[in-house]
Amino acid sequence: MIGLRLLAGVMVLFGASGFAMGGFFAGSPDLPPDGGTYVHKDGTPVLFTTDDLRMVLQDPVLAPDAATTGRNTVGPDVTYTFDATLVGTLGTTIVNFPGVGEVSLAPQIVVLEGPIEMIVLGQAGQSTGTWDTEILSMDLSGTVPVPELVQFGAPQAVPVQMLESTGQASLGETTVTDIGGGHFRIESFFDVFAEIVVPDITSPGSFLTTPSEGSFRMELLGNSNPIPEPGSLVVMAAGLVGIGLRRGKRVV
């Protein structure tokens, strides 16, 4: 019967090995990984500003729909198109609302959906490796409630659109590693430059485009490793042998 100390040793070895390693573990090397989610890990708000608007996006989460993925090989590179959903909390300040001055709108949950196109450089003919990546286009749209503006003739909610910035490249990196047993570890991030487009309610038919203040990193969220990697098994075996030797030396 395994004693408590031996069991604790096994648990520590597993916890310090493959099961604690970062990355998203999947049953195929396909991109984007099925069930994968990109998050803004550092938790800082993403700021979008112009002279007219200040917008704050908090805790954005981006979920690609892998089932909609289209793949196209272009020379040494591979492009991917897929639908995605972004969820976050969006707060807005209108800097100088006519006749009122500064108006702050309470943060509201926003859900934006639409297509994304990305390119993986040099991936053609490969299923594993490390590649530079770039988001070529992003067009996510939805609505956001604006109850504070109803008194000024605005609707209860207005359309909002998030686009990949046309003036900045949203670059990233993706690594796919075969860990054996039909399992793969996928690590990926993008430094996203984006802009938010909303209607100008003071000028019907006009729109306001507000760019992000620099890029914000979206990183593929890790999950549980389904199997210990080969290196982890070696570490675990060595640990168990060491424990066994210590037990063997015990004087009865």
C-alpha atoms as a PDB file:
ATOM      1  CA  MET A   1       0.000   0.000   0.000  1.00  0.00           C
ATOM      2  CA  ILE A   2       1.389   3.403  -1.007  1.00  0.00           C
ATOM      3  CA  GLY A   3       1.999   5.590   2.024  1.00  0.00           C
ATOM      4  CA  LEU A   4       0.905   9.196   2.263  1.00  0.00           C
ATOM      5  CA  ARG A   5       4.458  10.462   1.748  1.00  0.00           C
ATOM      6  CA  LEU A   6       4.851   8.473  -1.473  1.00  0.00           C
ATOM      7  CA  LEU A   7       1.478   9.681  -2.762  1.00  0.00           C
ATOM      8  CA  ALA A   8       2.404  13.258  -1.904  1.00  0.00           C
ATOM      9  CA  GLY A   9       5.690  12.828  -3.769  1.00  0.00           C
ATOM     10  CA  VAL A  10       3.897  11.620  -6.895  1.00  0.00           C
ATOM     11  CA  MET A  11       1.481  14.552  -6.744  1.00  0.00           C
ATOM     12  CA  VAL A  12       4.338  17.049  -6.389  1.00  0.00           C
ATOM     13  CA  LEU A  13       6.180  15.493  -9.328  1.00  0.00           C
ATOM     14  CA  PHE A  14       3.114  15.674 -11.539  1.00  0.00           C
ATOM     15  CA  GLY A  15       2.383  19.228 -10.425  1.00  0.00           C
ATOM     16  CA  ALA A  16       5.940  20.334 -11.211  1.00  0.00           C
ATOM     17  CA  SER A  17       6.041  18.600 -14.596  1.00  0.00           C
ATOM     18  CA  GLY A  18       3.858  18.410 -17.690  1.00  0.00           C
ATOM     19  CA  PHE A  19       0.574  19.097 -15.962  1.00  0.00           C
ATOM     20  CA  ALA A  20       1.707  22.575 -14.916  1.00  0.00           C
ATOM     21  CA  MET A  21       3.238  23.576 -18.253  1.00  0.00           C
ATOM     22  CA  GLY A  22       1.682  26.433 -20.190  1.00  0.00           C
ATOM     23  CA  GLY A  23      -0.083  26.228 -23.505  1.00  0.00           C
ATOM     24  CA  PHE A  24      -3.333  24.907 -24.904  1.00  0.00           C
ATOM     25  CA  PHE A  25      -3.448  21.143 -25.293  1.00  0.00           C
ATOM     26  CA  ALA A  26      -5.368  19.828 -28.286  1.00  0.00           C
ATOM     27  CA  GLY A  27      -5.985  16.615 -30.167  1.00  0.00           C
ATOM     28  CA  SER A  28      -4.729  18.102 -33.443  1.00  0.00           C
ATOM     29  CA  PRO A  29      -2.243  20.766 -34.594  1.00  0.00           C
ATOM     30  CA  ASP A  30      -4.966  22.662 -36.454  1.00  0.00           C
ATOM     31  CA  LEU A  31      -5.205  26.439 -36.100  1.00  0.00           C
ATOM     32  CA  PRO A  32      -7.003  28.078 -34.481  1.00  0.00           C
ATOM     33  CA  PRO A  33      -7.336  25.260 -31.926  1.00  0.00           C
ATOM     34  CA  ASP A  34     -10.840  23.962 -31.329  1.00  0.00           C
ATOM     35  CA  GLY A  35     -12.062  25.354 -28.012  1.00  0.00           C
ATOM     36  CA  GLY A  36      -9.172  27.796 -27.676  1.00  0.00           C
ATOM     37  CA  THR A  37      -9.731  31.257 -26.175  1.00  0.00           C
ATOM     38  CA  TYR A  38      -7.501  34.338 -26.277  1.00  0.00           C
ATOM     39  CA  VAL A  39      -7.425  36.588 -23.214  1.00  0.00           C
ATOM     40  CA  HIS A  40      -5.838  39.885 -22.218  1.00  0.00           C
ATOM     41  CA  LYS A  41      -3.809  38.395 -19.384  1.00  0.00           C
ATOM     42  CA  ASP A  42      -2.258  41.427 -17.724  1.00  0.00           C
ATOM     43  CA  GLY A  43      -5.682  42.810 -16.775  1.00  0.00           C
ATOM     44  CA  THR A  44      -4.900  46.409 -17.668  1.00  0.00           C
ATOM     45  CA  PRO A  45      -7.698  48.298 -19.450  1.00  0.00           C
ATOM     46  CA  VAL A  46      -7.341  48.832 -23.194  1.00  0.00           C
ATOM     47  CA  LEU A  47      -7.675  52.542 -24.003  1.00  0.00           C
ATOM     48  CA  PHE A  48      -9.116  54.002 -27.202  1.00  0.00           C
ATOM     49  CA  THR A  49      -8.870  57.795 -27.475  1.00  0.00           C
ATOM     50  CA  THR A  50      -9.470  60.747 -29.784  1.00  0.00           C
ATOM     51  CA  ASP A  51     -10.256  64.383 -29.129  1.00  0.00           C
ATOM     52  CA  ASP A  52     -13.965  63.454 -29.149  1.00  0.00           C
ATOM     53  CA  LEU A  53     -14.098  60.125 -27.312  1.00  0.00           C
ATOM     54  CA  ARG A  54     -12.359  58.149 -24.601  1.00  0.00           C
ATOM     55  CA  MET A  55     -13.244  54.465 -24.512  1.00  0.00           C
ATOM     56  CA  VAL A  56     -12.071  51.798 -22.067  1.00  0.00           C
ATOM     57  CA  LEU A  57     -12.276  48.090 -22.911  1.00  0.00           C
ATOM     58  CA  GLN A  58     -11.773  45.837 -19.908  1.00  0.00           C
ATOM     59  CA  ASP A  59     -11.139  42.085 -19.741  1.00  0.00           C
ATOM     60  CA  PRO A  60     -11.561  41.306 -23.457  1.00  0.00           C
ATOM     61  CA  VAL A  61     -11.894  37.618 -24.305  1.00  0.00           C
ATOM     62  CA  LEU A  62     -11.691  36.446 -27.919  1.00  0.00           C
ATOM     63  CA  ALA A  63     -13.071  33.025 -28.882  1.00  0.00           C
ATOM     64  CA  PRO A  64     -12.407  31.802 -32.442  1.00  0.00           C
ATOM     65  CA  ASP A  65     -14.959  29.405 -33.934  1.00  0.00           C
ATOM     66  CA  ALA A  66     -12.670  26.677 -35.260  1.00  0.00           C
ATOM     67  CA  ALA A  67     -15.550  25.009 -37.129  1.00  0.00           C
ATOM     68  CA  THR A  68     -15.736  27.990 -39.507  1.00  0.00           C
ATOM     69  CA  THR A  69     -12.037  27.979 -40.414  1.00  0.00           C
ATOM     70  CA  GLY A  70     -10.948  28.276 -44.016  1.00  0.00           C
ATOM     71  CA  ARG A  71      -7.284  27.590 -44.859  1.00  0.00           C
ATOM     72  CA  ASN A  72      -5.356  28.720 -47.922  1.00  0.00           C
ATOM     73  CA  THR A  73      -1.698  28.130 -48.772  1.00  0.00           C
ATOM     74  CA  VAL A  74       0.008  31.094 -50.428  1.00  0.00           C
ATOM     75  CA  GLY A  75       3.586  30.214 -51.331  1.00  0.00           C
ATOM     76  CA  PRO A  76       5.417  29.429 -48.071  1.00  0.00           C
ATOM     77  CA  ASP A  77       2.680  30.919 -45.931  1.00  0.00           C
ATOM     78  CA  VAL A  78      -0.796  29.842 -44.797  1.00  0.00           C
ATOM     79  CA  THR A  79      -3.768  32.171 -44.316  1.00  0.00           C
ATOM     80  CA  TYR A  80      -6.720  31.353 -42.080  1.00  0.00           C
ATOM     81  CA  THR A  81     -10.169  32.918 -42.001  1.00  0.00           C
ATOM     82  CA  PHE A  82     -12.630  32.169 -39.217  1.00  0.00           C
ATOM     83  CA  ASP A  83     -15.507  33.678 -37.279  1.00  0.00           C
ATOM     84  CA  ALA A  84     -14.869  34.850 -33.734  1.00  0.00           C
ATOM     85  CA  THR A  85     -16.662  36.360 -30.752  1.00  0.00           C
ATOM     86  CA  LEU A  86     -15.177  39.031 -28.492  1.00  0.00           C
ATOM     87  CA  VAL A  87     -16.707  39.725 -25.081  1.00  0.00           C
ATOM     88  CA  GLY A  88     -15.632  42.543 -22.775  1.00  0.00           C
ATOM     89  CA  THR A  89     -16.783  45.559 -20.803  1.00  0.00           C
ATOM     90  CA  LEU A  90     -16.818  48.883 -22.639  1.00  0.00           C
ATOM     91  CA  GLY A  91     -16.996  52.272 -20.960  1.00  0.00           C
ATOM     92  CA  THR A  92     -17.245  55.540 -22.914  1.00  0.00           C
ATOM     93  CA  THR A  93     -16.708  59.222 -22.187  1.00  0.00           C
ATOM     94  CA  ILE A  94     -17.942  61.809 -24.688  1.00  0.00           C
ATOM     95  CA  VAL A  95     -15.468  64.647 -24.270  1.00  0.00           C
ATOM     96  CA  ASN A  96     -17.682  67.552 -25.342  1.00  0.00           C
ATOM     97  CA  PHE A  97     -21.327  66.685 -25.880  1.00  0.00           C
ATOM     98  CA  PRO A  98     -23.090  69.721 -27.458  1.00  0.00           C
ATOM     99  CA  GLY A  99     -24.779  71.873 -24.829  1.00  0.00           C
ATOM    100  CA  VAL A 100     -23.777  69.546 -21.980  1.00  0.00           C
ATOM    101  CA  GLY A 101     -20.013  69.101 -21.901  1.00  0.00           C
ATOM    102  CA  GLU A 102     -18.383  65.871 -20.780  1.00  0.00           C
ATOM    103  CA  VAL A 103     -20.717  62.870 -20.542  1.00  0.00           C
ATOM    104  CA  SER A 104     -19.571  59.553 -19.060  1.00  0.00           C
ATOM    105  CA  LEU A 105     -21.439  56.368 -19.931  1.00  0.00           C
ATOM    106  CA  ALA A 106     -21.481  53.493 -17.456  1.00  0.00           C
ATOM    107  CA  PRO A 107     -19.426  50.441 -18.507  1.00  0.00           C
ATOM    108  CA  GLN A 108     -21.534  47.925 -20.400  1.00  0.00           C
ATOM    109  CA  ILE A 109     -20.936  44.334 -21.436  1.00  0.00           C
ATOM    110  CA  VAL A 110     -20.356  44.204 -25.161  1.00  0.00           C
ATOM    111  CA  VAL A 111     -20.472  41.151 -27.446  1.00  0.00           C
ATOM    112  CA  LEU A 112     -18.898  41.561 -30.882  1.00  0.00           C
ATOM    113  CA  GLU A 113     -18.929  38.934 -33.623  1.00  0.00           C
ATOM    114  CA  GLY A 114     -17.440  38.662 -37.078  1.00  0.00           C
ATOM    115  CA  PRO A 115     -14.619  37.377 -39.281  1.00  0.00           C
ATOM    116  CA  ILE A 116     -10.877  37.431 -38.668  1.00  0.00           C
ATOM    117  CA  GLU A 117      -8.120  36.692 -41.167  1.00  0.00           C
ATOM    118  CA  MET A 118      -4.610  35.797 -40.048  1.00  0.00           C
ATOM    119  CA  ILE A 119      -1.438  34.651 -41.760  1.00  0.00           C
ATOM    120  CA  VAL A 120       1.122  32.161 -40.448  1.00  0.00           C
ATOM    121  CA  LEU A 121       4.453  32.852 -42.113  1.00  0.00           C
ATOM    122  CA  GLY A 122       6.420  29.870 -43.393  1.00  0.00           C
ATOM    123  CA  GLN A 123       3.950  27.253 -42.174  1.00  0.00           C
ATOM    124  CA  ALA A 124       3.190  25.655 -45.539  1.00  0.00           C
ATOM    125  CA  GLY A 125       3.825  21.907 -45.424  1.00  0.00           C
ATOM    126  CA  GLN A 126       4.405  21.885 -41.653  1.00  0.00           C
ATOM    127  CA  SER A 127       2.150  20.889 -38.778  1.00  0.00           C
ATOM    128  CA  THR A 128       4.557  21.635 -35.923  1.00  0.00           C
ATOM    129  CA  GLY A 129       7.043  24.422 -35.360  1.00  0.00           C
ATOM    130  CA  THR A 130       7.257  28.080 -34.384  1.00  0.00           C
ATOM    131  CA  TRP A 131       6.054  30.763 -36.779  1.00  0.00           C
ATOM    132  CA  ASP A 132       5.570  34.504 -36.921  1.00  0.00           C
ATOM    133  CA  THR A 133       1.927  35.458 -37.391  1.00  0.00           C
ATOM    134  CA  GLU A 134      -0.145  38.519 -38.193  1.00  0.00           C
ATOM    135  CA  ILE A 135      -3.821  39.440 -38.032  1.00  0.00           C
ATOM    136  CA  LEU A 136      -4.528  40.731 -41.525  1.00  0.00           C
ATOM    137  CA  SER A 137      -8.089  41.845 -40.877  1.00  0.00           C
ATOM    138  CA  MET A 138     -10.715  41.823 -38.134  1.00  0.00           C
ATOM    139  CA  ASP A 139     -14.296  43.032 -38.406  1.00  0.00           C
ATOM    140  CA  LEU A 140     -16.296  42.404 -35.227  1.00  0.00           C
ATOM    141  CA  SER A 141     -19.637  44.095 -34.652  1.00  0.00           C
ATOM    142  CA  GLY A 142     -22.469  44.258 -32.142  1.00  0.00           C
ATOM    143  CA  THR A 143     -24.363  46.804 -30.063  1.00  0.00           C
ATOM    144  CA  VAL A 144     -23.795  48.541 -26.746  1.00  0.00           C
ATOM    145  CA  PRO A 145     -26.515  50.017 -24.465  1.00  0.00           C
ATOM    146  CA  VAL A 146     -26.385  53.816 -24.014  1.00  0.00           C
ATOM    147  CA  PRO A 147     -29.253  54.573 -21.578  1.00  0.00           C
ATOM    148  CA  GLU A 148     -27.665  57.890 -20.552  1.00  0.00           C
ATOM    149  CA  LEU A 149     -28.104  59.245 -24.093  1.00  0.00           C
ATOM    150  CA  VAL A 150     -31.775  58.371 -24.588  1.00  0.00           C
ATOM    151  CA  GLN A 151     -32.763  61.791 -23.207  1.00  0.00           C
ATOM    152  CA  PHE A 152     -30.812  63.354 -26.080  1.00  0.00           C
ATOM    153  CA  GLY A 153     -32.667  61.377 -28.723  1.00  0.00           C
ATOM    154  CA  ALA A 154     -30.354  58.381 -28.986  1.00  0.00           C
ATOM    155  CA  PRO A 155     -31.713  54.808 -29.176  1.00  0.00           C
ATOM    156  CA  GLN A 156     -31.389  52.423 -26.228  1.00  0.00           C
ATOM    157  CA  ALA A 157     -28.381  50.796 -27.905  1.00  0.00           C
ATOM    158  CA  VAL A 158     -26.030  51.839 -30.694  1.00  0.00           C
ATOM    159  CA  PRO A 159     -23.976  49.748 -33.101  1.00  0.00           C
ATOM    160  CA  VAL A 160     -20.293  49.287 -32.331  1.00  0.00           C
ATOM    161  CA  GLN A 161     -17.606  47.836 -34.569  1.00  0.00           C
ATOM    162  CA  MET A 162     -14.035  46.775 -33.802  1.00  0.00           C
ATOM    163  CA  LEU A 163     -11.576  46.675 -36.686  1.00  0.00           C
ATOM    164  CA  GLU A 164      -7.941  45.728 -36.948  1.00  0.00           C
ATOM    165  CA  SER A 165      -5.985  48.944 -37.415  1.00  0.00           C
ATOM    166  CA  THR A 166      -5.124  49.698 -41.030  1.00  0.00           C
ATOM    167  CA  GLY A 167      -2.075  51.712 -40.005  1.00  0.00           C
ATOM    168  CA  GLN A 168      -0.402  49.213 -37.653  1.00  0.00           C
ATOM    169  CA  ALA A 169       0.475  45.531 -37.981  1.00  0.00           C
ATOM    170  CA  SER A 170      -0.985  43.199 -35.333  1.00  0.00           C
ATOM    171  CA  LEU A 171       1.908  40.762 -35.056  1.00  0.00           C
ATOM    172  CA  GLY A 172       2.272  37.601 -33.015  1.00  0.00           C
ATOM    173  CA  GLU A 173       3.809  34.164 -32.741  1.00  0.00           C
ATOM    174  CA  THR A 174       2.465  30.621 -32.653  1.00  0.00           C
ATOM    175  CA  THR A 175       4.208  27.412 -31.587  1.00  0.00           C
ATOM    176  CA  VAL A 176       2.763  23.915 -32.092  1.00  0.00           C
ATOM    177  CA  THR A 177       4.577  21.029 -30.349  1.00  0.00           C
ATOM    178  CA  ASP A 178       3.842  17.329 -30.761  1.00  0.00           C
ATOM    179  CA  ILE A 179       3.886  15.874 -27.222  1.00  0.00           C
ATOM    180  CA  GLY A 180       3.023  12.340 -28.304  1.00  0.00           C
ATOM    181  CA  GLY A 181      -0.039  10.177 -27.941  1.00  0.00           C
ATOM    182  CA  GLY A 182      -1.927  12.213 -30.539  1.00  0.00           C
ATOM    183  CA  HIS A 183      -1.703  15.369 -28.416  1.00  0.00           C
ATOM    184  CA  PHE A 184      -0.261  18.788 -29.216  1.00  0.00           C
ATOM    185  CA  ARG A 185       0.677  21.831 -27.154  1.00  0.00           C
ATOM    186  CA  ILE A 186      -0.218  25.134 -28.830  1.00  0.00           C
ATOM    187  CA  GLU A 187       1.137  28.478 -27.624  1.00  0.00           C
ATOM    188  CA  SER A 188       0.027  31.658 -29.360  1.00  0.00           C
ATOM    189  CA  PHE A 189      -0.274  35.411 -28.892  1.00  0.00           C
ATOM    190  CA  PHE A 190      -1.021  38.548 -30.885  1.00  0.00           C
ATOM    191  CA  ASP A 191      -0.183  42.173 -30.128  1.00  0.00           C
ATOM    192  CA  VAL A 192      -3.357  43.733 -31.470  1.00  0.00           C
ATOM    193  CA  PHE A 193      -3.794  47.253 -32.810  1.00  0.00           C
ATOM    194  CA  ALA A 194      -7.507  47.971 -33.127  1.00  0.00           C
ATOM    195  CA  GLU A 195      -9.996  50.779 -33.613  1.00  0.00           C
ATOM    196  CA  ILE A 196     -13.592  51.128 -32.490  1.00  0.00           C
ATOM    197  CA  VAL A 197     -16.209  52.680 -34.758  1.00  0.00           C
ATOM    198  CA  VAL A 198     -19.479  54.077 -33.349  1.00  0.00           C
ATOM    199  CA  PRO A 199     -22.131  56.411 -34.810  1.00  0.00           C
ATOM    200  CA  ASP A 200     -21.869  60.107 -34.032  1.00  0.00           C
ATOM    201  CA  ILE A 201     -25.297  60.743 -32.503  1.00  0.00           C
ATOM    202  CA  THR A 202     -24.761  64.514 -32.811  1.00  0.00           C
ATOM    203  CA  SER A 203     -24.369  64.177 -36.590  1.00  0.00           C
ATOM    204  CA  PRO A 204     -26.737  61.575 -38.112  1.00  0.00           C
ATOM    205  CA  GLY A 205     -25.055  59.448 -40.773  1.00  0.00           C
ATOM    206  CA  SER A 206     -21.560  60.176 -39.440  1.00  0.00           C
ATOM    207  CA  PHE A 207     -19.259  57.835 -37.556  1.00  0.00           C
ATOM    208  CA  LEU A 208     -16.426  58.265 -35.058  1.00  0.00           C
ATOM    209  CA  THR A 209     -13.334  56.070 -35.308  1.00  0.00           C
ATOM    210  CA  THR A 210     -11.274  55.738 -32.138  1.00  0.00           C
ATOM    211  CA  PRO A 211      -7.904  53.901 -32.269  1.00  0.00           C
ATOM    212  CA  SER A 212      -6.317  51.972 -29.434  1.00  0.00           C
ATOM    213  CA  GLU A 213      -3.449  53.609 -27.568  1.00  0.00           C
ATOM    214  CA  GLY A 214      -0.813  51.194 -28.761  1.00  0.00           C
ATOM    215  CA  SER A 215      -1.246  47.448 -28.969  1.00  0.00           C
ATOM    216  CA  PHE A 216      -2.753  45.054 -26.436  1.00  0.00           C
ATOM    217  CA  ARG A 217      -1.632  41.450 -26.112  1.00  0.00           C
ATOM    218  CA  MET A 218      -4.156  38.655 -26.561  1.00  0.00           C
ATOM    219  CA  GLU A 219      -2.732  35.298 -25.496  1.00  0.00           C
ATOM    220  CA  LEU A 220      -4.105  31.798 -25.958  1.00  0.00           C
ATOM    221  CA  LEU A 221      -5.384  30.626 -22.588  1.00  0.00           C
ATOM    222  CA  GLY A 222      -3.865  27.375 -21.340  1.00  0.00           C
ATOM    223  CA  ASN A 223      -5.747  24.283 -20.272  1.00  0.00           C
ATOM    224  CA  SER A 224      -4.915  20.936 -18.639  1.00  0.00           C
ATOM    225  CA  ASN A 225      -2.328  18.691 -20.225  1.00  0.00           C
ATOM    226  CA  PRO A 226      -4.088  15.346 -20.945  1.00  0.00           C
ATOM    227  CA  ILE A 227      -0.844  13.348 -20.623  1.00  0.00           C
ATOM    228  CA  PRO A 228       2.537  13.887 -18.970  1.00  0.00           C
ATOM    229  CA  GLU A 229       5.214  14.660 -21.548  1.00  0.00           C
ATOM    230  CA  PRO A 230       8.166  12.224 -21.996  1.00  0.00           C
ATOM    231  CA  GLY A 231      10.465  14.481 -19.995  1.00  0.00           C
ATOM    232  CA  SER A 232       7.890  14.576 -17.232  1.00  0.00           C
ATOM    233  CA  LEU A 233       7.764  10.787 -17.110  1.00  0.00           C
ATOM    234  CA  VAL A 234      11.558  10.630 -16.708  1.00  0.00           C
ATOM    235  CA  VAL A 235      11.435  13.122 -13.840  1.00  0.00           C
ATOM    236  CA  MET A 236       8.586  11.237 -12.213  1.00  0.00           C
ATOM    237  CA  ALA A 237      10.339   7.867 -12.611  1.00  0.00           C
ATOM    238  CA  ALA A 238      13.560   9.244 -11.133  1.00  0.00           C
ATOM    239  CA  GLY A 239      11.623  10.634  -8.208  1.00  0.00           C
ATOM    240  CA  LEU A 240       9.868   7.346  -7.587  1.00  0.00           C
ATOM    241  CA  VAL A 241      13.163   5.430  -7.780  1.00  0.00           C
ATOM    242  CA  GLY A 242      14.659   7.827  -5.258  1.00  0.00           C
ATOM    243  CA  ILE A 243      11.729   7.362  -2.927  1.00  0.00           C
ATOM    244  CA  GLY A 244      11.955   3.596  -3.374  1.00  0.00           C
ATOM    245  CA  LEU A 245      15.682   3.565  -2.522  1.00  0.00           C
ATOM    246  CA  ARG A 246      15.020   5.572   0.640  1.00  0.00           C
ATOM    247  CA  ARG A 247      12.266   3.151   1.588  1.00  0.00           C
ATOM    248  CA  GLY A 248      14.593   0.199   0.880  1.00  0.00           C
ATOM    249  CA  LYS A 249      17.203   1.537   3.278  1.00  0.00           C
ATOM    250  CA  ARG A 250      14.742   1.780   6.146  1.00  0.00           C
ATOM    251  CA  VAL A 251      15.730  -0.379   9.097  1.00  0.00           C
ATOM    252  CA  VAL A 252      12.872  -2.567  10.293  1.00  0.00           C
END
